[in-house]
Amino acid sequence: MRPSEFLDILHVAEKLKDTPRHCTTSNRRRESVAEHSWRVSLMAMLLKKRVP
């Protein structure tokens, strides 16, 4: 991957921090797409050896 492509991906990821989801957290706060993506990524890392 070229450095410019890497930076393009990071710029898109940055925008996800300001993109609200339609769902709320358990505290009824609107969650951003970036927050949700982070949690799903963490879940995938924790479950990767349990789910083939």
PDB file of N, CA and C in Angstrom:
ATOM      1  N   MET A   1       0.860  -1.185   0.000  1.00  0.00           N
ATOM      2  CA  MET A   1       0.000   0.000   0.000  1.00  0.00           C
ATOM      3  C   MET A   1       0.900   1.241   0.000  1.00  0.00           C
ATOM      4  N   ARG A   2       0.570   2.150  -0.864  1.00  0.00           N
ATOM      5  CA  ARG A   2       1.332   3.398  -0.931  1.00  0.00           C
ATOM      6  C   ARG A   2       0.984   4.274   0.277  1.00  0.00           C
ATOM      7  N   PRO A   3       1.920   5.121   0.717  1.00  0.00           N
ATOM      8  CA  PRO A   3       1.648   6.004   1.860  1.00  0.00           C
ATOM      9  C   PRO A   3       0.404   6.874   1.666  1.00  0.00           C
ATOM     10  N   SER A   4       0.166   7.329   0.447  1.00  0.00           N
ATOM     11  CA  SER A   4      -1.008   8.181   0.208  1.00  0.00           C
ATOM     12  C   SER A   4      -2.308   7.390   0.397  1.00  0.00           C
ATOM     13  N   GLU A   5      -2.316   6.110   0.046  1.00  0.00           N
ATOM     14  CA  GLU A   5      -3.501   5.266   0.246  1.00  0.00           C
ATOM     15  C   GLU A   5      -3.741   5.028   1.737  1.00  0.00           C
ATOM     16  N   PHE A   6      -2.679   4.829   2.471  1.00  0.00           N
ATOM     17  CA  PHE A   6      -2.769   4.658   3.919  1.00  0.00           C
ATOM     18  C   PHE A   6      -3.385   5.904   4.554  1.00  0.00           C
ATOM     19  N   LEU A   7      -2.921   7.066   4.136  1.00  0.00           N
ATOM     20  CA  LEU A   7      -3.457   8.321   4.669  1.00  0.00           C
ATOM     21  C   LEU A   7      -4.913   8.535   4.269  1.00  0.00           C
ATOM     22  N   ASP A   8      -5.282   8.128   3.069  1.00  0.00           N
ATOM     23  CA  ASP A   8      -6.682   8.233   2.633  1.00  0.00           C
ATOM     24  C   ASP A   8      -7.597   7.433   3.560  1.00  0.00           C
ATOM     25  N   ILE A   9      -7.169   6.219   3.910  1.00  0.00           N
ATOM     26  CA  ILE A   9      -7.958   5.384   4.817  1.00  0.00           C
ATOM     27  C   ILE A   9      -8.093   6.056   6.181  1.00  0.00           C
ATOM     28  N   LEU A  10      -7.014   6.618   6.674  1.00  0.00           N
ATOM     29  CA  LEU A  10      -7.057   7.295   7.980  1.00  0.00           C
ATOM     30  C   LEU A  10      -7.973   8.520   7.955  1.00  0.00           C
ATOM     31  N   HIS A  11      -8.025   9.227   6.847  1.00  0.00           N
ATOM     32  CA  HIS A  11      -8.916  10.385   6.731  1.00  0.00           C
ATOM     33  C   HIS A  11     -10.383   9.957   6.737  1.00  0.00           C
ATOM     34  N   VAL A  12     -10.692   8.861   6.083  1.00  0.00           N
ATOM     35  CA  VAL A  12     -12.057   8.339   6.103  1.00  0.00           C
ATOM     36  C   VAL A  12     -12.420   7.899   7.517  1.00  0.00           C
ATOM     37  N   ALA A  13     -11.503   7.213   8.185  1.00  0.00           N
ATOM     38  CA  ALA A  13     -11.749   6.761   9.560  1.00  0.00           C
ATOM     39  C   ALA A  13     -11.981   7.946  10.488  1.00  0.00           C
ATOM     40  N   GLU A  14     -11.279   9.025  10.278  1.00  0.00           N
ATOM     41  CA  GLU A  14     -11.452  10.236  11.094  1.00  0.00           C
ATOM     42  C   GLU A  14     -12.876  10.772  10.975  1.00  0.00           C
ATOM     43  N   LYS A  15     -13.429  10.743   9.788  1.00  0.00           N
ATOM     44  CA  LYS A  15     -14.792  11.245   9.573  1.00  0.00           C
ATOM     45  C   LYS A  15     -15.832  10.410  10.311  1.00  0.00           C
ATOM     46  N   LEU A  16     -15.531   9.133  10.551  1.00  0.00           N
ATOM     47  CA  LEU A  16     -16.478   8.264  11.239  1.00  0.00           C
ATOM     48  C   LEU A  16     -16.700   8.690  12.693  1.00  0.00           C
ATOM     49  N   LYS A  17     -15.746   9.425  13.262  1.00  0.00           N
ATOM     50  CA  LYS A  17     -15.912   9.907  14.635  1.00  0.00           C
ATOM     51  C   LYS A  17     -17.051  10.911  14.745  1.00  0.00           C
ATOM     52  N   ASP A  18     -17.351  11.608  13.665  1.00  0.00           N
ATOM     53  CA  ASP A  18     -18.406  12.621  13.667  1.00  0.00           C
ATOM     54  C   ASP A  18     -19.691  12.132  13.005  1.00  0.00           C
ATOM     55  N   THR A  19     -19.738  10.857  12.652  1.00  0.00           N
ATOM     56  CA  THR A  19     -20.925  10.291  12.013  1.00  0.00           C
ATOM     57  C   THR A  19     -21.742   9.543  13.061  1.00  0.00           C
ATOM     58  N   PRO A  20     -22.901  10.079  13.442  1.00  0.00           N
ATOM     59  CA  PRO A  20     -23.696   9.413  14.485  1.00  0.00           C
ATOM     60  C   PRO A  20     -24.417   8.182  13.941  1.00  0.00           C
ATOM     61  N   ARG A  21     -24.595   7.216  14.805  1.00  0.00           N
ATOM     62  CA  ARG A  21     -25.392   6.040  14.469  1.00  0.00           C
ATOM     63  C   ARG A  21     -26.838   6.307  14.836  1.00  0.00           C
ATOM     64  N   HIS A  22     -27.736   5.497  14.314  1.00  0.00           N
ATOM     65  CA  HIS A  22     -29.155   5.666  14.635  1.00  0.00           C
ATOM     66  C   HIS A  22     -29.501   5.065  15.998  1.00  0.00           C
ATOM     67  N   CYS A  23     -28.607   4.207  16.522  1.00  0.00           N
ATOM     68  CA  CYS A  23     -28.843   3.566  17.823  1.00  0.00           C
ATOM     69  C   CYS A  23     -28.208   4.385  18.939  1.00  0.00           C
ATOM     70  N   THR A  24     -28.570   4.041  20.173  1.00  0.00           N
ATOM     71  CA  THR A  24     -27.974   4.699  21.331  1.00  0.00           C
ATOM     72  C   THR A  24     -27.262   3.665  22.190  1.00  0.00           C
ATOM     73  N   THR A  25     -26.414   4.148  23.091  1.00  0.00           N
ATOM     74  CA  THR A  25     -25.727   3.270  24.029  1.00  0.00           C
ATOM     75  C   THR A  25     -26.700   2.877  25.137  1.00  0.00           C
ATOM     76  N   SER A  26     -26.221   2.047  26.049  1.00  0.00           N
ATOM     77  CA  SER A  26     -27.081   1.640  27.164  1.00  0.00           C
ATOM     78  C   SER A  26     -27.431   2.826  28.069  1.00  0.00           C
ATOM     79  N   ASN A  27     -26.660   3.902  27.977  1.00  0.00           N
ATOM     80  CA  ASN A  27     -26.950   5.131  28.739  1.00  0.00           C
ATOM     81  C   ASN A  27     -27.766   6.130  27.925  1.00  0.00           C
ATOM     82  N   ARG A  28     -28.301   5.673  26.791  1.00  0.00           N
ATOM     83  CA  ARG A  28     -29.128   6.480  25.890  1.00  0.00           C
ATOM     84  C   ARG A  28     -28.374   7.644  25.227  1.00  0.00           C
ATOM     85  N   ARG A  29     -27.069   7.475  25.077  1.00  0.00           N
ATOM     86  CA  ARG A  29     -26.249   8.466  24.383  1.00  0.00           C
ATOM     87  C   ARG A  29     -26.073   8.013  22.946  1.00  0.00           C
ATOM     88  N   ARG A  30     -26.145   8.946  22.012  1.00  0.00           N
ATOM     89  CA  ARG A  30     -25.911   8.586  20.601  1.00  0.00           C
ATOM     90  C   ARG A  30     -24.448   8.238  20.421  1.00  0.00           C
ATOM     91  N   GLU A  31     -24.222   7.113  19.802  1.00  0.00           N
ATOM     92  CA  GLU A  31     -22.882   6.594  19.589  1.00  0.00           C
ATOM     93  C   GLU A  31     -22.431   6.946  18.168  1.00  0.00           C
ATOM     94  N   SER A  32     -21.142   7.226  18.001  1.00  0.00           N
ATOM     95  CA  SER A  32     -20.630   7.481  16.659  1.00  0.00           C
ATOM     96  C   SER A  32     -20.319   6.147  15.972  1.00  0.00           C
ATOM     97  N   VAL A  33     -20.200   6.193  14.667  1.00  0.00           N
ATOM     98  CA  VAL A  33     -19.839   4.998  13.902  1.00  0.00           C
ATOM     99  C   VAL A  33     -18.454   4.517  14.325  1.00  0.00           C
ATOM    100  N   ALA A  34     -17.545   5.437  14.618  1.00  0.00           N
ATOM    101  CA  ALA A  34     -16.191   5.060  15.032  1.00  0.00           C
ATOM    102  C   ALA A  34     -16.214   4.329  16.374  1.00  0.00           C
ATOM    103  N   GLU A  35     -17.026   4.806  17.312  1.00  0.00           N
ATOM    104  CA  GLU A  35     -17.123   4.125  18.607  1.00  0.00           C
ATOM    105  C   GLU A  35     -17.654   2.710  18.430  1.00  0.00           C
ATOM    106  N   HIS A  36     -18.681   2.573  17.624  1.00  0.00           N
ATOM    107  CA  HIS A  36     -19.267   1.258  17.379  1.00  0.00           C
ATOM    108  C   HIS A  36     -18.255   0.342  16.683  1.00  0.00           C
ATOM    109  N   SER A  37     -17.556   0.862  15.705  1.00  0.00           N
ATOM    110  CA  SER A  37     -16.573   0.068  14.970  1.00  0.00           C
ATOM    111  C   SER A  37     -15.448  -0.401  15.883  1.00  0.00           C
ATOM    112  N   TRP A  38     -15.022   0.473  16.790  1.00  0.00           N
ATOM    113  CA  TRP A  38     -13.971   0.108  17.737  1.00  0.00           C
ATOM    114  C   TRP A  38     -14.421  -1.063  18.600  1.00  0.00           C
ATOM    115  N   ARG A  39     -15.653  -0.996  19.109  1.00  0.00           N
ATOM    116  CA  ARG A  39     -16.179  -2.056  19.976  1.00  0.00           C
ATOM    117  C   ARG A  39     -16.327  -3.375  19.210  1.00  0.00           C
ATOM    118  N   VAL A  40     -16.823  -3.306  17.986  1.00  0.00           N
ATOM    119  CA  VAL A  40     -16.967  -4.516  17.179  1.00  0.00           C
ATOM    120  C   VAL A  40     -15.596  -5.118  16.860  1.00  0.00           C
ATOM    121  N   SER A  41     -14.600  -4.282  16.590  1.00  0.00           N
ATOM    122  CA  SER A  41     -13.243  -4.769  16.326  1.00  0.00           C
ATOM    123  C   SER A  41     -12.658  -5.459  17.554  1.00  0.00           C
ATOM    124  N   LEU A  42     -12.873  -4.876  18.719  1.00  0.00           N
ATOM    125  CA  LEU A  42     -12.400  -5.474  19.962  1.00  0.00           C
ATOM    126  C   LEU A  42     -13.071  -6.829  20.188  1.00  0.00           C
ATOM    127  N   MET A  43     -14.370  -6.891  19.945  1.00  0.00           N
ATOM    128  CA  MET A  43     -15.109  -8.134  20.095  1.00  0.00           C
ATOM    129  C   MET A  43     -14.551  -9.209  19.148  1.00  0.00           C
ATOM    130  N   ALA A  44     -14.268  -8.826  17.916  1.00  0.00           N
ATOM    131  CA  ALA A  44     -13.722  -9.771  16.940  1.00  0.00           C
ATOM    132  C   ALA A  44     -12.355 -10.278  17.380  1.00  0.00           C
ATOM    133  N   MET A  45     -11.525  -9.411  17.907  1.00  0.00           N
ATOM    134  CA  MET A  45     -10.203  -9.837  18.366  1.00  0.00           C
ATOM    135  C   MET A  45     -10.322 -10.811  19.542  1.00  0.00           C
ATOM    136  N   LEU A  46     -11.243 -10.544  20.458  1.00  0.00           N
ATOM    137  CA  LEU A  46     -11.420 -11.402  21.618  1.00  0.00           C
ATOM    138  C   LEU A  46     -12.006 -12.762  21.262  1.00  0.00           C
ATOM    139  N   LEU A  47     -12.821 -12.808  20.203  1.00  0.00           N
ATOM    140  CA  LEU A  47     -13.491 -14.059  19.826  1.00  0.00           C
ATOM    141  C   LEU A  47     -12.797 -14.830  18.705  1.00  0.00           C
ATOM    142  N   LYS A  48     -11.725 -14.307  18.154  1.00  0.00           N
ATOM    143  CA  LYS A  48     -11.142 -14.897  16.944  1.00  0.00           C
ATOM    144  C   LYS A  48     -10.719 -16.355  17.117  1.00  0.00           C
ATOM    145  N   LYS A  49     -10.318 -16.772  18.325  1.00  0.00           N
ATOM    146  CA  LYS A  49      -9.907 -18.168  18.514  1.00  0.00           C
ATOM    147  C   LYS A  49     -11.093 -19.076  18.837  1.00  0.00           C
ATOM    148  N   ARG A  50     -12.233 -18.499  19.177  1.00  0.00           N
ATOM    149  CA  ARG A  50     -13.403 -19.289  19.529  1.00  0.00           C
ATOM    150  C   ARG A  50     -14.339 -19.527  18.350  1.00  0.00           C
ATOM    151  N   VAL A  51     -14.295 -18.645  17.372  1.00  0.00           N
ATOM    152  CA  VAL A  51     -15.199 -18.766  16.227  1.00  0.00           C
ATOM    153  C   VAL A  51     -14.366 -19.077  14.981  1.00  0.00           C
ATOM    154  N   PRO A  52     -14.580 -20.243  14.390  1.00  0.00           N
ATOM    155  CA  PRO A  52     -13.757 -20.617  13.214  1.00  0.00           C
ATOM    156  C   PRO A  52     -14.072 -19.751  12.002  1.00  0.00           C
TER     157      PRO A  52
END
